[in-house]
């Protein structure tokens, strides 16, 4: 079975750029929970520790999902 890793990709053009690239041809395989988790993880990797700590105490993802 495939992991969800095949849904995402990168190219050298986007190296160092804060982006999450999703294969459009596989969007039907991507559930909302996975998309929210990937975007949240990517965003948290770029946020300040203060903001990340605050969100860890009061996560917004359950309200989005």
PDB file of N, CA and C in Angstrom:
ATOM      1  N   UNK A   1       0.837  -1.194   0.000  1.00  0.00           N
ATOM      2  CA  UNK A   1       0.000   0.000   0.000  1.00  0.00           C
ATOM      3  C   UNK A   1       0.876   1.249   0.000  1.00  0.00           C
ATOM      4  N   UNK A   2       0.344   2.291  -0.566  1.00  0.00           N
ATOM      5  CA  UNK A   2       1.087   3.549  -0.653  1.00  0.00           C
ATOM      6  C   UNK A   2       0.948   4.335   0.643  1.00  0.00           C
ATOM      7  N   UNK A   3       1.989   5.076   0.966  1.00  0.00           N
ATOM      8  CA  UNK A   3       1.877   6.031   2.059  1.00  0.00           C
ATOM      9  C   UNK A   3       1.344   7.320   1.468  1.00  0.00           C
ATOM     10  N   UNK A   4       0.942   8.235   2.302  1.00  0.00           N
ATOM     11  CA  UNK A   4       0.435   9.514   1.803  1.00  0.00           C
ATOM     12  C   UNK A   4       1.554  10.386   1.252  1.00  0.00           C
ATOM     13  N   UNK A   5       2.800   9.937   1.423  1.00  0.00           N
ATOM     14  CA  UNK A   5       3.939  10.690   0.918  1.00  0.00           C
ATOM     15  C   UNK A   5       3.920  10.885  -0.582  1.00  0.00           C
ATOM     16  N   UNK A   6       3.273   9.985  -1.312  1.00  0.00           N
ATOM     17  CA  UNK A   6       3.210  10.125  -2.769  1.00  0.00           C
ATOM     18  C   UNK A   6       2.315  11.287  -3.195  1.00  0.00           C
ATOM     19  N   UNK A   7       1.556  11.848  -2.257  1.00  0.00           N
ATOM     20  CA  UNK A   7       0.664  12.968  -2.574  1.00  0.00           C
ATOM     21  C   UNK A   7       1.415  14.293  -2.655  1.00  0.00           C
ATOM     22  N   UNK A   8       2.565  14.358  -2.014  1.00  0.00           N
ATOM     23  CA  UNK A   8       3.317  15.599  -1.898  1.00  0.00           C
ATOM     24  C   UNK A   8       4.636  15.489  -2.644  1.00  0.00           C
ATOM     25  N   UNK A   9       5.164  16.619  -3.052  1.00  0.00           N
ATOM     26  CA  UNK A   9       6.420  16.595  -3.794  1.00  0.00           C
ATOM     27  C   UNK A   9       7.118  17.936  -3.648  1.00  0.00           C
ATOM     28  N   UNK A  10       8.320  18.004  -4.169  1.00  0.00           N
ATOM     29  CA  UNK A  10       9.050  19.259  -4.233  1.00  0.00           C
ATOM     30  C   UNK A  10       9.881  19.256  -5.512  1.00  0.00           C
ATOM     31  N   UNK A  11      10.340  20.414  -5.880  1.00  0.00           N
ATOM     32  CA  UNK A  11      11.254  20.554  -7.009  1.00  0.00           C
ATOM     33  C   UNK A  11      12.373  21.485  -6.574  1.00  0.00           C
ATOM     34  N   UNK A  12      13.464  21.475  -7.291  1.00  0.00           N
ATOM     35  CA  UNK A  12      14.583  22.347  -6.922  1.00  0.00           C
ATOM     36  C   UNK A  12      14.167  23.818  -6.961  1.00  0.00           C
ATOM     37  N   UNK A  13      13.202  24.153  -7.788  1.00  0.00           N
ATOM     38  CA  UNK A  13      12.715  25.531  -7.880  1.00  0.00           C
ATOM     39  C   UNK A  13      12.174  26.015  -6.530  1.00  0.00           C
ATOM     40  N   UNK A  14      11.577  25.108  -5.754  1.00  0.00           N
ATOM     41  CA  UNK A  14      10.978  25.485  -4.477  1.00  0.00           C
ATOM     42  C   UNK A  14      11.876  25.204  -3.279  1.00  0.00           C
ATOM     43  N   UNK A  15      13.117  24.781  -3.485  1.00  0.00           N
ATOM     44  CA  UNK A  15      14.034  24.547  -2.369  1.00  0.00           C
ATOM     45  C   UNK A  15      14.164  25.809  -1.527  1.00  0.00           C
ATOM     46  N   UNK A  16      13.944  25.675  -0.226  1.00  0.00           N
ATOM     47  CA  UNK A  16      14.058  26.808   0.680  1.00  0.00           C
ATOM     48  C   UNK A  16      12.836  27.698   0.728  1.00  0.00           C
ATOM     49  N   UNK A  17      11.830  27.424  -0.092  1.00  0.00           N
ATOM     50  CA  UNK A  17      10.612  28.232  -0.111  1.00  0.00           C
ATOM     51  C   UNK A  17       9.568  27.562   0.772  1.00  0.00           C
ATOM     52  N   UNK A  18       8.897  28.317   1.629  1.00  0.00           N
ATOM     53  CA  UNK A  18       7.926  27.712   2.546  1.00  0.00           C
ATOM     54  C   UNK A  18       6.622  27.351   1.829  1.00  0.00           C
ATOM     55  N   UNK A  19       6.621  26.215   1.162  1.00  0.00           N
ATOM     56  CA  UNK A  19       5.441  25.795   0.404  1.00  0.00           C
ATOM     57  C   UNK A  19       5.195  24.307   0.606  1.00  0.00           C
ATOM     58  N   UNK A  20       3.940  23.931   0.545  1.00  0.00           N
ATOM     59  CA  UNK A  20       3.537  22.530   0.543  1.00  0.00           C
ATOM     60  C   UNK A  20       2.945  22.272  -0.834  1.00  0.00           C
ATOM     61  N   UNK A  21       3.592  21.416  -1.609  1.00  0.00           N
ATOM     62  CA  UNK A  21       3.132  21.116  -2.961  1.00  0.00           C
ATOM     63  C   UNK A  21       2.379  19.791  -2.948  1.00  0.00           C
ATOM     64  N   UNK A  22       1.173  19.812  -3.511  1.00  0.00           N
ATOM     65  CA  UNK A  22       0.313  18.635  -3.560  1.00  0.00           C
ATOM     66  C   UNK A  22       0.098  18.258  -5.016  1.00  0.00           C
ATOM     67  N   UNK A  23       0.196  16.984  -5.315  1.00  0.00           N
ATOM     68  CA  UNK A  23      -0.032  16.515  -6.685  1.00  0.00           C
ATOM     69  C   UNK A  23      -1.522  16.615  -7.013  1.00  0.00           C
ATOM     70  N   UNK A  24      -1.877  17.478  -7.955  1.00  0.00           N
ATOM     71  CA  UNK A  24      -3.278  17.674  -8.337  1.00  0.00           C
ATOM     72  C   UNK A  24      -3.910  16.371  -8.820  1.00  0.00           C
ATOM     73  N   UNK A  25      -3.120  15.525  -9.448  1.00  0.00           N
ATOM     74  CA  UNK A  25      -3.652  14.262  -9.965  1.00  0.00           C
ATOM     75  C   UNK A  25      -4.054  13.292  -8.852  1.00  0.00           C
ATOM     76  N   UNK A  26      -3.661  13.595  -7.604  1.00  0.00           N
ATOM     77  CA  UNK A  26      -3.987  12.712  -6.481  1.00  0.00           C
ATOM     78  C   UNK A  26      -4.858  13.412  -5.433  1.00  0.00           C
ATOM     79  N   UNK A  27      -5.441  14.549  -5.759  1.00  0.00           N
ATOM     80  CA  UNK A  27      -6.241  15.274  -4.772  1.00  0.00           C
ATOM     81  C   UNK A  27      -7.397  14.437  -4.235  1.00  0.00           C
ATOM     82  N   UNK A  28      -7.941  13.562  -5.064  1.00  0.00           N
ATOM     83  CA  UNK A  28      -9.052  12.726  -4.609  1.00  0.00           C
ATOM     84  C   UNK A  28      -8.632  11.735  -3.523  1.00  0.00           C
ATOM     85  N   UNK A  29      -7.341  11.530  -3.341  1.00  0.00           N
ATOM     86  CA  UNK A  29      -6.824  10.629  -2.306  1.00  0.00           C
ATOM     87  C   UNK A  29      -6.509  11.365  -1.003  1.00  0.00           C
ATOM     88  N   UNK A  30      -6.582  12.670  -1.023  1.00  0.00           N
ATOM     89  CA  UNK A  30      -6.175  13.477   0.123  1.00  0.00           C
ATOM     90  C   UNK A  30      -7.386  13.819   0.973  1.00  0.00           C
ATOM     91  N   UNK A  31      -7.391  13.333   2.202  1.00  0.00           N
ATOM     92  CA  UNK A  31      -8.503  13.660   3.086  1.00  0.00           C
ATOM     93  C   UNK A  31      -8.206  14.971   3.815  1.00  0.00           C
ATOM     94  N   UNK A  32      -9.246  15.579   4.310  1.00  0.00           N
ATOM     95  CA  UNK A  32      -9.137  16.896   4.943  1.00  0.00           C
ATOM     96  C   UNK A  32      -8.223  16.873   6.168  1.00  0.00           C
ATOM     97  N   UNK A  33      -8.290  15.821   6.956  1.00  0.00           N
ATOM     98  CA  UNK A  33      -7.462  15.726   8.164  1.00  0.00           C
ATOM     99  C   UNK A  33      -5.978  15.749   7.800  1.00  0.00           C
ATOM    100  N   UNK A  34      -5.599  14.964   6.798  1.00  0.00           N
ATOM    101  CA  UNK A  34      -4.197  14.933   6.371  1.00  0.00           C
ATOM    102  C   UNK A  34      -3.759  16.294   5.862  1.00  0.00           C
ATOM    103  N   UNK A  35      -4.581  16.933   5.057  1.00  0.00           N
ATOM    104  CA  UNK A  35      -4.233  18.249   4.525  1.00  0.00           C
ATOM    105  C   UNK A  35      -4.047  19.264   5.646  1.00  0.00           C
ATOM    106  N   UNK A  36      -4.953  19.285   6.604  1.00  0.00           N
ATOM    107  CA  UNK A  36      -4.833  20.211   7.735  1.00  0.00           C
ATOM    108  C   UNK A  36      -3.558  19.921   8.524  1.00  0.00           C
ATOM    109  N   UNK A  37      -3.251  18.647   8.767  1.00  0.00           N
ATOM    110  CA  UNK A  37      -2.043  18.294   9.519  1.00  0.00           C
ATOM    111  C   UNK A  37      -0.772  18.730   8.793  1.00  0.00           C
ATOM    112  N   UNK A  38      -0.721  18.521   7.496  1.00  0.00           N
ATOM    113  CA  UNK A  38       0.472  18.888   6.724  1.00  0.00           C
ATOM    114  C   UNK A  38       0.652  20.400   6.703  1.00  0.00           C
ATOM    115  N   UNK A  39      -0.425  21.123   6.471  1.00  0.00           N
ATOM    116  CA  UNK A  39      -0.332  22.587   6.448  1.00  0.00           C
ATOM    117  C   UNK A  39       0.028  23.115   7.833  1.00  0.00           C
ATOM    118  N   UNK A  40      -0.580  22.566   8.879  1.00  0.00           N
ATOM    119  CA  UNK A  40      -0.275  23.008  10.244  1.00  0.00           C
ATOM    120  C   UNK A  40       1.184  22.734  10.597  1.00  0.00           C
ATOM    121  N   UNK A  41       1.672  21.545  10.279  1.00  0.00           N
ATOM    122  CA  UNK A  41       3.078  21.218  10.554  1.00  0.00           C
ATOM    123  C   UNK A  41       4.023  22.150   9.806  1.00  0.00           C
ATOM    124  N   UNK A  42       3.701  22.419   8.544  1.00  0.00           N
ATOM    125  CA  UNK A  42       4.542  23.321   7.749  1.00  0.00           C
ATOM    126  C   UNK A  42       4.526  24.726   8.348  1.00  0.00           C
ATOM    127  N   UNK A  43       3.356  25.183   8.734  1.00  0.00           N
ATOM    128  CA  UNK A  43       3.230  26.523   9.299  1.00  0.00           C
ATOM    129  C   UNK A  43       3.976  26.608  10.628  1.00  0.00           C
ATOM    130  N   UNK A  44       3.803  25.591  11.479  1.00  0.00           N
ATOM    131  CA  UNK A  44       4.479  25.598  12.776  1.00  0.00           C
ATOM    132  C   UNK A  44       5.994  25.554  12.633  1.00  0.00           C
ATOM    133  N   UNK A  45       6.481  24.934  11.578  1.00  0.00           N
ATOM    134  CA  UNK A  45       7.930  24.881  11.376  1.00  0.00           C
ATOM    135  C   UNK A  45       8.502  26.258  11.061  1.00  0.00           C
ATOM    136  N   UNK A  46       7.659  27.186  10.648  1.00  0.00           N
ATOM    137  CA  UNK A  46       8.099  28.538  10.303  1.00  0.00           C
ATOM    138  C   UNK A  46       7.714  29.577  11.360  1.00  0.00           C
ATOM    139  N   UNK A  47       6.863  29.209  12.301  1.00  0.00           N
ATOM    140  CA  UNK A  47       6.376  30.182  13.278  1.00  0.00           C
ATOM    141  C   UNK A  47       7.385  30.359  14.415  1.00  0.00           C
ATOM    142  N   UNK A  48       7.155  31.395  15.195  1.00  0.00           N
ATOM    143  CA  UNK A  48       8.009  31.616  16.364  1.00  0.00           C
ATOM    144  C   UNK A  48       7.678  30.573  17.433  1.00  0.00           C
ATOM    145  N   UNK A  49       8.620  30.337  18.332  1.00  0.00           N
ATOM    146  CA  UNK A  49       8.390  29.380  19.415  1.00  0.00           C
ATOM    147  C   UNK A  49       7.222  29.835  20.277  1.00  0.00           C
ATOM    148  N   UNK A  50       7.100  31.127  20.507  1.00  0.00           N
ATOM    149  CA  UNK A  50       6.007  31.660  21.327  1.00  0.00           C
ATOM    150  C   UNK A  50       4.652  31.318  20.717  1.00  0.00           C
ATOM    151  N   UNK A  51       4.512  31.541  19.423  1.00  0.00           N
ATOM    152  CA  UNK A  51       3.246  31.245  18.744  1.00  0.00           C
ATOM    153  C   UNK A  51       2.992  29.739  18.727  1.00  0.00           C
ATOM    154  N   UNK A  52       4.027  28.959  18.451  1.00  0.00           N
ATOM    155  CA  UNK A  52       3.879  27.501  18.428  1.00  0.00           C
ATOM    156  C   UNK A  52       3.461  26.979  19.804  1.00  0.00           C
ATOM    157  N   UNK A  53       4.060  27.509  20.869  1.00  0.00           N
ATOM    158  CA  UNK A  53       3.696  27.093  22.222  1.00  0.00           C
ATOM    159  C   UNK A  53       2.249  27.457  22.533  1.00  0.00           C
ATOM    160  N   UNK A  54       1.833  28.639  22.128  1.00  0.00           N
ATOM    161  CA  UNK A  54       0.451  29.067  22.364  1.00  0.00           C
ATOM    162  C   UNK A  54      -0.528  28.148  21.634  1.00  0.00           C
ATOM    163  N   UNK A  55      -0.205  27.811  20.389  1.00  0.00           N
ATOM    164  CA  UNK A  55      -1.085  26.927  19.626  1.00  0.00           C
ATOM    165  C   UNK A  55      -1.079  25.506  20.175  1.00  0.00           C
ATOM    166  N   UNK A  56       0.030  25.078  20.756  1.00  0.00           N
ATOM    167  CA  UNK A  56       0.078  23.750  21.369  1.00  0.00           C
ATOM    168  C   UNK A  56      -0.874  23.677  22.562  1.00  0.00           C
ATOM    169  N   UNK A  57      -1.019  24.802  23.270  1.00  0.00           N
ATOM    170  CA  UNK A  57      -1.922  24.862  24.417  1.00  0.00           C
ATOM    171  C   UNK A  57      -3.380  24.956  23.989  1.00  0.00           C
ATOM    172  N   UNK A  58      -3.646  25.586  22.840  1.00  0.00           N
ATOM    173  CA  UNK A  58      -5.009  25.808  22.371  1.00  0.00           C
ATOM    174  C   UNK A  58      -5.061  25.608  20.859  1.00  0.00           C
ATOM    175  N   UNK A  59      -4.970  24.353  20.411  1.00  0.00           N
ATOM    176  CA  UNK A  59      -4.913  24.106  18.962  1.00  0.00           C
ATOM    177  C   UNK A  59      -6.203  24.510  18.250  1.00  0.00           C
ATOM    178  N   UNK A  60      -6.038  25.049  17.055  1.00  0.00           N
ATOM    179  CA  UNK A  60      -7.207  25.444  16.267  1.00  0.00           C
ATOM    180  C   UNK A  60      -7.606  24.362  15.273  1.00  0.00           C
ATOM    181  N   UNK A  61      -6.728  23.370  15.038  1.00  0.00           N
ATOM    182  CA  UNK A  61      -7.009  22.391  13.975  1.00  0.00           C
ATOM    183  C   UNK A  61      -8.314  21.645  14.186  1.00  0.00           C
ATOM    184  N   UNK A  62      -8.671  21.222  15.421  1.00  0.00           N
ATOM    185  CA  UNK A  62      -9.951  20.513  15.549  1.00  0.00           C
ATOM    186  C   UNK A  62     -11.142  21.357  15.095  1.00  0.00           C
ATOM    187  N   UNK A  63     -11.054  22.663  15.241  1.00  0.00           N
ATOM    188  CA  UNK A  63     -12.151  23.530  14.796  1.00  0.00           C
ATOM    189  C   UNK A  63     -12.171  23.650  13.283  1.00  0.00           C
ATOM    190  N   UNK A  64     -11.015  23.492  12.637  1.00  0.00           N
ATOM    191  CA  UNK A  64     -10.940  23.573  11.179  1.00  0.00           C
ATOM    192  C   UNK A  64     -11.458  22.286  10.556  1.00  0.00           C
ATOM    193  N   UNK A  65     -11.090  21.172  11.157  1.00  0.00           N
ATOM    194  CA  UNK A  65     -11.447  19.864  10.601  1.00  0.00           C
ATOM    195  C   UNK A  65     -12.921  19.653  10.803  1.00  0.00           C
TER     196      UNK A  65
END
